[in-house]
Amino acid sequence: MIVTAGIVFLIAVPFQVIVNRAKLELSPDNARLRQTGYELTADWSAIIDLRLTPGREGFVTREPMTGKGAFVLAQFRGVAILPSAPFYDAEQRDLLAQRRFIPIEAFAWHVRHGDLREEIIRLAPHLAHIRS
């Protein structure tokens, strides 16, 4: 029991630190995700979809992103704690391989219950049709 609690602690604490460092910056020109180890940026005109599947939320871009962060995330798209529990589902892994996905699941609560969704729609009205 103590060993299991220790393992959970060793996994949960670093994961929480990573999540706490995540920043989603929205400007009139673009959306930028700053995460430990990478940064992803896309102009609103390049974002064609807002995926709101619970735990799998993210922006989908029309074309591949060119920054270093998109290449880094594509390299690690298959990472999993356990083989049966990957961080990303098949669709996300495919979009990450194409460098066309900005994961925002860390901000999902704010999209559903806060004012983040209204801010996204204000800056990118073409995403207003998206249903959560």
Protein backbone atom coordinates (compact mmCIF):
# COMPACT_ATOMS: atom_id res chain seq x y z
CA MET A 1 0.00 0.00 0.00
CA ILE A 2 2.76 2.46 0.90
CA VAL A 3 4.73 1.47 -2.20
CA THR A 4 1.68 2.11 -4.40
CA ALA A 5 1.11 5.49 -2.74
CA GLY A 6 4.78 6.34 -3.30
CA ILE A 7 4.59 5.45 -6.98
CA VAL A 8 1.43 7.51 -7.45
CA PHE A 9 3.12 10.43 -5.66
CA LEU A 10 6.22 10.16 -7.89
CA ILE A 11 4.02 10.29 -10.99
CA ALA A 12 1.48 12.87 -9.80
CA VAL A 13 3.84 15.54 -8.46
CA PRO A 14 5.92 16.03 -11.63
CA PHE A 15 2.75 15.86 -13.75
CA GLN A 16 1.15 18.57 -11.59
CA VAL A 17 4.24 20.78 -11.94
CA ILE A 18 4.08 20.42 -15.73
CA VAL A 19 0.35 21.21 -15.82
CA ASN A 20 0.82 24.24 -13.56
CA ARG A 21 3.43 25.67 -15.95
CA ALA A 22 1.11 25.46 -18.94
CA LYS A 23 0.00 28.84 -20.26
CA LEU A 24 -2.54 29.48 -22.98
CA GLU A 25 -2.14 32.98 -24.40
CA LEU A 26 -4.82 34.34 -26.70
CA SER A 27 -4.19 37.51 -28.68
CA PRO A 28 -6.10 39.12 -31.53
CA ASP A 29 -3.63 37.47 -33.93
CA ASN A 30 -3.06 33.98 -32.56
CA ALA A 31 -3.32 31.30 -29.91
CA ARG A 32 -0.10 30.28 -28.15
CA LEU A 33 0.40 27.34 -25.81
CA ARG A 34 3.51 27.50 -23.63
CA GLN A 35 4.24 24.20 -21.96
CA THR A 36 7.31 22.71 -20.29
CA GLY A 37 9.58 21.72 -23.17
CA TYR A 38 7.66 23.25 -26.05
CA GLU A 39 5.61 26.14 -27.41
CA LEU A 40 2.93 25.99 -30.10
CA THR A 41 1.54 29.03 -31.94
CA ALA A 42 -1.09 29.31 -34.66
CA ASP A 43 -2.84 32.28 -36.22
CA TRP A 44 -6.61 32.24 -35.74
CA SER A 45 -7.05 32.05 -39.51
CA ALA A 46 -5.09 28.77 -39.47
CA ILE A 47 -7.22 27.19 -36.72
CA ILE A 48 -10.11 25.32 -38.31
CA ASP A 49 -11.56 23.41 -35.37
CA LEU A 50 -11.82 23.35 -31.60
CA ARG A 51 -11.97 19.76 -30.38
CA LEU A 52 -13.95 19.49 -27.13
CA THR A 53 -13.95 15.75 -26.43
CA PRO A 54 -13.56 15.53 -22.62
CA GLY A 55 -9.89 15.09 -21.74
CA ARG A 56 -8.88 15.47 -25.40
CA GLU A 57 -9.51 19.20 -25.97
CA GLY A 58 -7.44 21.14 -28.47
CA PHE A 59 -7.19 23.38 -31.50
CA VAL A 60 -6.82 21.80 -34.94
CA THR A 61 -4.96 23.74 -37.62
CA ARG A 62 -5.45 23.64 -41.38
CA GLU A 63 -1.74 23.28 -42.16
CA PRO A 64 1.20 21.87 -40.18
CA MET A 65 2.76 24.23 -37.64
CA THR A 66 6.41 24.96 -38.35
CA GLY A 67 7.88 25.78 -34.95
CA LYS A 68 10.25 23.57 -32.97
CA GLY A 69 7.48 22.83 -30.46
CA ALA A 70 5.30 21.12 -33.07
CA PHE A 71 8.20 18.84 -34.03
CA VAL A 72 8.95 18.05 -30.37
CA LEU A 73 5.34 17.20 -29.59
CA ALA A 74 5.09 15.05 -32.73
CA GLN A 75 8.10 13.05 -31.51
CA PHE A 76 6.45 12.33 -28.15
CA ARG A 77 2.88 11.74 -29.35
CA GLY A 78 2.96 8.06 -28.38
CA VAL A 79 4.06 8.57 -24.75
CA ALA A 80 1.99 6.67 -22.19
CA ILE A 81 2.17 5.92 -18.48
CA LEU A 82 0.97 2.40 -19.31
CA PRO A 83 0.62 0.86 -22.78
CA SER A 84 -3.15 0.78 -22.25
CA ALA A 85 -3.30 4.44 -21.13
CA PRO A 86 -1.68 6.75 -23.69
CA PHE A 87 -1.77 10.50 -23.11
CA TYR A 88 -3.31 11.03 -26.56
CA ASP A 89 -6.01 9.13 -28.44
CA ALA A 90 -5.57 7.88 -32.01
CA GLU A 91 -7.00 11.04 -33.61
CA GLN A 92 -4.78 13.29 -31.49
CA ARG A 93 -1.69 11.19 -32.29
CA ASP A 94 -2.50 11.45 -35.99
CA LEU A 95 -2.94 15.24 -35.78
CA LEU A 96 0.23 15.57 -33.68
CA ALA A 97 2.17 13.56 -36.28
CA GLN A 98 0.91 16.04 -38.87
CA ARG A 99 1.86 18.94 -36.51
CA ARG A 100 -1.77 20.18 -36.63
CA PHE A 101 -2.90 19.90 -32.99
CA ILE A 102 -2.55 22.24 -30.00
CA PRO A 103 -3.66 20.35 -26.88
CA ILE A 104 -5.54 22.52 -24.38
CA GLU A 105 -6.99 19.88 -22.04
CA ALA A 106 -5.31 21.64 -19.10
CA PHE A 107 -7.72 24.54 -19.73
CA ALA A 108 -10.87 22.49 -20.39
CA TRP A 109 -12.62 23.58 -17.20
CA HIS A 110 -12.24 27.22 -18.23
CA VAL A 111 -13.63 26.46 -21.70
CA ARG A 112 -16.70 24.74 -20.25
CA HIS A 113 -17.34 26.74 -17.08
CA GLY A 114 -15.33 29.95 -17.35
CA ASP A 115 -15.03 32.71 -19.91
CA LEU A 116 -12.36 31.07 -22.08
CA ARG A 117 -14.86 29.82 -24.65
CA GLU A 118 -16.35 33.31 -25.08
CA GLU A 119 -12.85 34.75 -25.48
CA ILE A 120 -11.98 32.15 -28.14
CA ILE A 121 -15.20 32.90 -30.05
CA ARG A 122 -14.61 36.64 -29.77
CA LEU A 123 -11.14 36.24 -31.31
CA ALA A 124 -12.10 33.46 -33.76
CA PRO A 125 -15.80 33.78 -34.62
CA HIS A 126 -15.50 30.93 -37.14
CA LEU A 127 -15.21 28.55 -34.14
CA ALA A 128 -18.60 29.62 -32.70
CA HIS A 129 -20.37 26.55 -34.15
CA ILE A 130 -18.38 24.19 -31.90
CA ARG A 131 -20.46 22.42 -29.24
CA SER A 132 -18.97 21.11 -26.00
